[in-house]
Structure formats: structure tokens, C-alpha cells
């Protein structure tokens, strides 16, 4: 599983926990969910950036071979 996909999954899990915390009044669960959602967003962004860098490197390698 790629880092981007894992980040998206973590965002969804965090959103569910955060919502459950809001509904039940459990502030700690709400905070944990918010932190997990934020960490997932960062991981997703890093995964996207890594993919872009990989595409760039592939493009440069193809250009050098020509």
C-alpha cells in the first residue's frame, strides 16, 4: 500500500473517531481523531510529493537516455 493511500485511510479513521467523540461527548476521543486525521493528511501529502518526485526523476532519466 502506498503512503498516499495509507494517509487517506488514516484521515477517514480519524474523522470517524473525531465524529464519534463529538456525538458521545468524549473530548479525548475527539482529540485523538483530530490528531489522526491531521497525521493522515500529512502522510497523504508526503505520498503525493514522493510520487511527483518519482515521475520527475523518470522523466529526467528518459531525457538523458535520448
PDB file of N, CA and C in Angstrom:
ATOM      1  N   UNK A   1       0.851  -1.172   0.000  1.00  0.00           N
ATOM      2  CA  UNK A   1       0.000   0.000   0.000  1.00  0.00           C
ATOM      3  C   UNK A   1       0.893   1.229   0.000  1.00  0.00           C
ATOM      4  N   UNK A   2       0.549   2.186  -0.831  1.00  0.00           N
ATOM      5  CA  UNK A   2       1.341   3.395  -0.922  1.00  0.00           C
ATOM      6  C   UNK A   2       1.089   4.338   0.241  1.00  0.00           C
ATOM      7  N   UNK A   3       2.012   5.220   0.429  1.00  0.00           N
ATOM      8  CA  UNK A   3       1.921   6.174   1.525  1.00  0.00           C
ATOM      9  C   UNK A   3       0.707   7.081   1.361  1.00  0.00           C
ATOM     10  N   UNK A   4       0.416   7.466   0.133  1.00  0.00           N
ATOM     11  CA  UNK A   4      -0.734   8.329  -0.121  1.00  0.00           C
ATOM     12  C   UNK A   4      -2.039   7.622   0.286  1.00  0.00           C
ATOM     13  N   UNK A   5      -2.172   6.363  -0.103  1.00  0.00           N
ATOM     14  CA  UNK A   5      -3.367   5.588   0.225  1.00  0.00           C
ATOM     15  C   UNK A   5      -3.494   5.390   1.726  1.00  0.00           C
ATOM     16  N   UNK A   6      -2.389   5.081   2.373  1.00  0.00           N
ATOM     17  CA  UNK A   6      -2.410   4.891   3.827  1.00  0.00           C
ATOM     18  C   UNK A   6      -2.824   6.185   4.521  1.00  0.00           C
ATOM     19  N   UNK A   7      -2.325   7.302   4.036  1.00  0.00           N
ATOM     20  CA  UNK A   7      -2.699   8.597   4.612  1.00  0.00           C
ATOM     21  C   UNK A   7      -4.186   8.860   4.477  1.00  0.00           C
ATOM     22  N   UNK A   8      -4.754   8.533   3.328  1.00  0.00           N
ATOM     23  CA  UNK A   8      -6.195   8.716   3.125  1.00  0.00           C
ATOM     24  C   UNK A   8      -6.989   7.859   4.105  1.00  0.00           C
ATOM     25  N   UNK A   9      -6.543   6.619   4.302  1.00  0.00           N
ATOM     26  CA  UNK A   9      -7.227   5.731   5.243  1.00  0.00           C
ATOM     27  C   UNK A   9      -7.164   6.292   6.662  1.00  0.00           C
ATOM     28  N   UNK A  10      -6.008   6.798   7.039  1.00  0.00           N
ATOM     29  CA  UNK A  10      -5.858   7.364   8.380  1.00  0.00           C
ATOM     30  C   UNK A  10      -6.738   8.599   8.560  1.00  0.00           C
ATOM     31  N   UNK A  11      -6.870   9.404   7.510  1.00  0.00           N
ATOM     32  CA  UNK A  11      -7.754  10.566   7.581  1.00  0.00           C
ATOM     33  C   UNK A  11      -9.191  10.135   7.842  1.00  0.00           C
ATOM     34  N   UNK A  12      -9.637   9.103   7.131  1.00  0.00           N
ATOM     35  CA  UNK A  12     -11.012   8.626   7.300  1.00  0.00           C
ATOM     36  C   UNK A  12     -11.215   8.062   8.712  1.00  0.00           C
ATOM     37  N   UNK A  13     -10.272   7.250   9.181  1.00  0.00           N
ATOM     38  CA  UNK A  13     -10.378   6.700  10.533  1.00  0.00           C
ATOM     39  C   UNK A  13     -10.429   7.819  11.566  1.00  0.00           C
ATOM     40  N   UNK A  14      -9.575   8.808  11.365  1.00  0.00           N
ATOM     41  CA  UNK A  14      -9.548   9.934  12.300  1.00  0.00           C
ATOM     42  C   UNK A  14     -10.852  10.706  12.293  1.00  0.00           C
ATOM     43  N   UNK A  15     -11.410  10.894  11.124  1.00  0.00           N
ATOM     44  CA  UNK A  15     -12.673  11.622  11.004  1.00  0.00           C
ATOM     45  C   UNK A  15     -13.792  10.864  11.725  1.00  0.00           C
ATOM     46  N   UNK A  16     -13.784   9.538  11.601  1.00  0.00           N
ATOM     47  CA  UNK A  16     -14.797   8.721  12.282  1.00  0.00           C
ATOM     48  C   UNK A  16     -14.640   8.847  13.795  1.00  0.00           C
ATOM     49  N   UNK A  17     -13.412   8.719  14.289  1.00  0.00           N
ATOM     50  CA  UNK A  17     -13.173   8.839  15.733  1.00  0.00           C
ATOM     51  C   UNK A  17     -13.565  10.229  16.234  1.00  0.00           C
ATOM     52  N   UNK A  18     -13.176  11.240  15.471  1.00  0.00           N
ATOM     53  CA  UNK A  18     -13.491  12.606  15.870  1.00  0.00           C
ATOM     54  C   UNK A  18     -15.002  12.802  15.955  1.00  0.00           C
ATOM     55  N   UNK A  19     -15.709  12.322  14.952  1.00  0.00           N
ATOM     56  CA  UNK A  19     -17.173  12.444  14.948  1.00  0.00           C
ATOM     57  C   UNK A  19     -17.802  11.671  16.101  1.00  0.00           C
ATOM     58  N   UNK A  20     -17.300  10.465  16.353  1.00  0.00           N
ATOM     59  CA  UNK A  20     -17.817   9.671  17.469  1.00  0.00           C
ATOM     60  C   UNK A  20     -17.589  10.389  18.790  1.00  0.00           C
ATOM     61  N   UNK A  21     -16.433  11.019  18.906  1.00  0.00           N
ATOM     62  CA  UNK A  21     -16.143  11.776  20.124  1.00  0.00           C
ATOM     63  C   UNK A  21     -17.075  12.954  20.302  1.00  0.00           C
ATOM     64  N   UNK A  22     -17.382  13.630  19.210  1.00  0.00           N
ATOM     65  CA  UNK A  22     -18.306  14.770  19.273  1.00  0.00           C
ATOM     66  C   UNK A  22     -19.698  14.287  19.669  1.00  0.00           C
ATOM     67  N   UNK A  23     -20.148  13.213  19.033  1.00  0.00           N
ATOM     68  CA  UNK A  23     -21.503  12.699  19.291  1.00  0.00           C
ATOM     69  C   UNK A  23     -21.651  12.215  20.731  1.00  0.00           C
ATOM     70  N   UNK A  24     -20.622  11.523  21.239  1.00  0.00           N
ATOM     71  CA  UNK A  24     -20.705  10.953  22.593  1.00  0.00           C
ATOM     72  C   UNK A  24     -20.237  11.921  23.676  1.00  0.00           C
ATOM     73  N   UNK A  25     -19.676  13.038  23.275  1.00  0.00           N
ATOM     74  CA  UNK A  25     -19.164  13.980  24.268  1.00  0.00           C
ATOM     75  C   UNK A  25     -17.815  13.573  24.832  1.00  0.00           C
ATOM     76  N   UNK A  26     -17.154  12.635  24.198  1.00  0.00           N
ATOM     77  CA  UNK A  26     -15.844  12.151  24.641  1.00  0.00           C
ATOM     78  C   UNK A  26     -14.767  13.039  24.017  1.00  0.00           C
ATOM     79  N   UNK A  27     -14.321  14.023  24.770  1.00  0.00           N
ATOM     80  CA  UNK A  27     -13.349  15.002  24.258  1.00  0.00           C
ATOM     81  C   UNK A  27     -12.023  14.350  23.894  1.00  0.00           C
ATOM     82  N   UNK A  28     -11.606  13.344  24.660  1.00  0.00           N
ATOM     83  CA  UNK A  28     -10.327  12.671  24.382  1.00  0.00           C
ATOM     84  C   UNK A  28     -10.395  11.926  23.043  1.00  0.00           C
ATOM     85  N   UNK A  29     -11.487  11.213  22.792  1.00  0.00           N
ATOM     86  CA  UNK A  29     -11.658  10.521  21.514  1.00  0.00           C
ATOM     87  C   UNK A  29     -11.707  11.529  20.368  1.00  0.00           C
ATOM     88  N   UNK A  30     -12.368  12.637  20.605  1.00  0.00           N
ATOM     89  CA  UNK A  30     -12.436  13.701  19.592  1.00  0.00           C
ATOM     90  C   UNK A  30     -11.038  14.223  19.262  1.00  0.00           C
ATOM     91  N   UNK A  31     -10.224  14.466  20.289  1.00  0.00           N
ATOM     92  CA  UNK A  31      -8.850  14.948  20.076  1.00  0.00           C
ATOM     93  C   UNK A  31      -7.987  13.908  19.368  1.00  0.00           C
ATOM     94  N   UNK A  32      -8.112  12.642  19.789  1.00  0.00           N
ATOM     95  CA  UNK A  32      -7.349  11.573  19.134  1.00  0.00           C
ATOM     96  C   UNK A  32      -7.713  11.483  17.657  1.00  0.00           C
ATOM     97  N   UNK A  33      -8.996  11.581  17.369  1.00  0.00           N
ATOM     98  CA  UNK A  33      -9.446  11.542  15.982  1.00  0.00           C
ATOM     99  C   UNK A  33      -8.910  12.706  15.172  1.00  0.00           C
ATOM    100  N   UNK A  34      -8.918  13.883  15.761  1.00  0.00           N
ATOM    101  CA  UNK A  34      -8.409  15.071  15.068  1.00  0.00           C
ATOM    102  C   UNK A  34      -6.914  14.920  14.776  1.00  0.00           C
ATOM    103  N   UNK A  35      -6.165  14.395  15.750  1.00  0.00           N
ATOM    104  CA  UNK A  35      -4.726  14.183  15.541  1.00  0.00           C
ATOM    105  C   UNK A  35      -4.483  13.142  14.459  1.00  0.00           C
ATOM    106  N   UNK A  36      -5.252  12.056  14.473  1.00  0.00           N
ATOM    107  CA  UNK A  36      -5.086  11.003  13.472  1.00  0.00           C
ATOM    108  C   UNK A  36      -5.442  11.536  12.084  1.00  0.00           C
ATOM    109  N   UNK A  37      -6.493  12.327  12.003  1.00  0.00           N
ATOM    110  CA  UNK A  37      -6.895  12.912  10.720  1.00  0.00           C
ATOM    111  C   UNK A  37      -5.806  13.834  10.190  1.00  0.00           C
ATOM    112  N   UNK A  38      -5.235  14.649  11.065  1.00  0.00           N
ATOM    113  CA  UNK A  38      -4.170  15.565  10.650  1.00  0.00           C
ATOM    114  C   UNK A  38      -2.920  14.804  10.212  1.00  0.00           C
ATOM    115  N   UNK A  39      -2.564  13.774  10.963  1.00  0.00           N
ATOM    116  CA  UNK A  39      -1.391  12.964  10.593  1.00  0.00           C
ATOM    117  C   UNK A  39      -1.619  12.269   9.259  1.00  0.00           C
ATOM    118  N   UNK A  40      -2.827  11.806   9.033  1.00  0.00           N
ATOM    119  CA  UNK A  40      -3.159  11.180   7.760  1.00  0.00           C
ATOM    120  C   UNK A  40      -3.048  12.146   6.601  1.00  0.00           C
ATOM    121  N   UNK A  41      -3.475  13.388   6.834  1.00  0.00           N
ATOM    122  CA  UNK A  41      -3.378  14.405   5.783  1.00  0.00           C
ATOM    123  C   UNK A  41      -1.921  14.684   5.428  1.00  0.00           C
ATOM    124  N   UNK A  42      -1.070  14.749   6.441  1.00  0.00           N
ATOM    125  CA  UNK A  42       0.358  14.968   6.199  1.00  0.00           C
ATOM    126  C   UNK A  42       0.944  13.788   5.428  1.00  0.00           C
ATOM    127  N   UNK A  43       0.612  12.582   5.863  1.00  0.00           N
ATOM    128  CA  UNK A  43       1.141  11.389   5.196  1.00  0.00           C
ATOM    129  C   UNK A  43       0.675  11.327   3.740  1.00  0.00           C
ATOM    130  N   UNK A  44      -0.579  11.686   3.503  1.00  0.00           N
ATOM    131  CA  UNK A  44      -1.098  11.701   2.138  1.00  0.00           C
ATOM    132  C   UNK A  44      -0.330  12.713   1.281  1.00  0.00           C
ATOM    133  N   UNK A  45      -0.080  13.889   1.826  1.00  0.00           N
ATOM    134  CA  UNK A  45       0.660  14.917   1.093  1.00  0.00           C
ATOM    135  C   UNK A  45       2.084  14.485   0.781  1.00  0.00           C
ATOM    136  N   UNK A  46       2.730  13.852   1.747  1.00  0.00           N
ATOM    137  CA  UNK A  46       4.092  13.363   1.529  1.00  0.00           C
ATOM    138  C   UNK A  46       4.087  12.290   0.439  1.00  0.00           C
ATOM    139  N   UNK A  47       3.097  11.416   0.469  1.00  0.00           N
ATOM    140  CA  UNK A  47       2.984  10.387  -0.551  1.00  0.00           C
ATOM    141  C   UNK A  47       2.803  10.975  -1.941  1.00  0.00           C
ATOM    142  N   UNK A  48       1.971  12.017  -2.043  1.00  0.00           N
ATOM    143  CA  UNK A  48       1.771  12.687  -3.329  1.00  0.00           C
ATOM    144  C   UNK A  48       3.060  13.328  -3.806  1.00  0.00           C
ATOM    145  N   UNK A  49       3.784  13.974  -2.888  1.00  0.00           N
ATOM    146  CA  UNK A  49       5.045  14.625  -3.255  1.00  0.00           C
ATOM    147  C   UNK A  49       6.071  13.591  -3.717  1.00  0.00           C
ATOM    148  N   UNK A  50       6.141  12.482  -3.021  1.00  0.00           N
ATOM    149  CA  UNK A  50       7.091  11.425  -3.425  1.00  0.00           C
ATOM    150  C   UNK A  50       6.763  10.906  -4.820  1.00  0.00           C
ATOM    151  N   UNK A  51       5.484  10.776  -5.107  1.00  0.00           N
ATOM    152  CA  UNK A  51       5.063  10.309  -6.424  1.00  0.00           C
ATOM    153  C   UNK A  51       5.486  11.308  -7.502  1.00  0.00           C
ATOM    154  N   UNK A  52       5.288  12.584  -7.230  1.00  0.00           N
ATOM    155  CA  UNK A  52       5.671  13.619  -8.198  1.00  0.00           C
ATOM    156  C   UNK A  52       7.181  13.621  -8.428  1.00  0.00           C
ATOM    157  N   UNK A  53       7.948  13.484  -7.357  1.00  0.00           N
ATOM    158  CA  UNK A  53       9.409  13.437  -7.490  1.00  0.00           C
ATOM    159  C   UNK A  53       9.811  12.222  -8.326  1.00  0.00           C
ATOM    160  N   UNK A  54       9.177  11.088  -8.068  1.00  0.00           N
ATOM    161  CA  UNK A  54       9.472   9.886  -8.839  1.00  0.00           C
ATOM    162  C   UNK A  54       9.169  10.063 -10.314  1.00  0.00           C
ATOM    163  N   UNK A  55       8.051  10.710 -10.617  1.00  0.00           N
ATOM    164  CA  UNK A  55       7.693  10.973 -12.009  1.00  0.00           C
ATOM    165  C   UNK A  55       8.719  11.906 -12.662  1.00  0.00           C
ATOM    166  N   UNK A  56       9.167  12.898 -11.908  1.00  0.00           N
ATOM    167  CA  UNK A  56      10.163  13.840 -12.427  1.00  0.00           C
ATOM    168  C   UNK A  56      11.475  13.123 -12.727  1.00  0.00           C
ATOM    169  N   UNK A  57      11.910  12.290 -11.791  1.00  0.00           N
ATOM    170  CA  UNK A  57      13.163  11.549 -11.965  1.00  0.00           C
ATOM    171  C   UNK A  57      13.060  10.618 -13.174  1.00  0.00           C
ATOM    172  N   UNK A  58      11.931   9.956 -13.337  1.00  0.00           N
ATOM    173  CA  UNK A  58      11.729   9.094 -14.501  1.00  0.00           C
ATOM    174  C   UNK A  58      11.816   9.906 -15.791  1.00  0.00           C
ATOM    175  N   UNK A  59      11.226  11.084 -15.780  1.00  0.00           N
ATOM    176  CA  UNK A  59      11.271  11.949 -16.963  1.00  0.00           C
ATOM    177  C   UNK A  59      12.682  12.383 -17.295  1.00  0.00           C
ATOM    178  N   UNK A  60      13.450  12.725 -16.269  1.00  0.00           N
ATOM    179  CA  UNK A  60      14.844  13.140 -16.479  1.00  0.00           C
ATOM    180  C   UNK A  60      15.647  11.943 -17.009  1.00  0.00           C
ATOM    181  N   UNK A  61      15.428  10.774 -16.438  1.00  0.00           N
ATOM    182  CA  UNK A  61      16.162   9.589 -16.892  1.00  0.00           C
ATOM    183  C   UNK A  61      15.871   9.288 -18.348  1.00  0.00           C
ATOM    184  N   UNK A  62      14.626   9.421 -18.762  1.00  0.00           N
ATOM    185  CA  UNK A  62      14.262   9.171 -20.160  1.00  0.00           C
ATOM    186  C   UNK A  62      14.901  10.220 -21.073  1.00  0.00           C
ATOM    187  N   UNK A  63      14.930  11.466 -20.604  1.00  0.00           N
ATOM    188  CA  UNK A  63      15.538  12.536 -21.407  1.00  0.00           C
ATOM    189  C   UNK A  63      17.045  12.325 -21.580  1.00  0.00           C
ATOM    190  N   UNK A  64      17.700  11.841 -20.532  1.00  0.00           N
ATOM    191  CA  UNK A  64      19.138  11.607 -20.567  1.00  0.00           C
ATOM    192  C   UNK A  64      19.463  10.453 -21.525  1.00  0.00           C
ATOM    193  N   UNK A  65      18.607   9.451 -21.575  1.00  0.00           N
ATOM    194  CA  UNK A  65      18.833   8.301 -22.448  1.00  0.00           C
ATOM    195  C   UNK A  65      18.736   8.688 -23.918  1.00  0.00           C
ATOM    196  N   UNK A  66      18.010   9.737 -24.227  1.00  0.00           N
ATOM    197  CA  UNK A  66      17.855  10.138 -25.637  1.00  0.00           C
ATOM    198  C   UNK A  66      19.055  10.832 -26.126  1.00  0.00           C
TER     199      UNK A  66
END
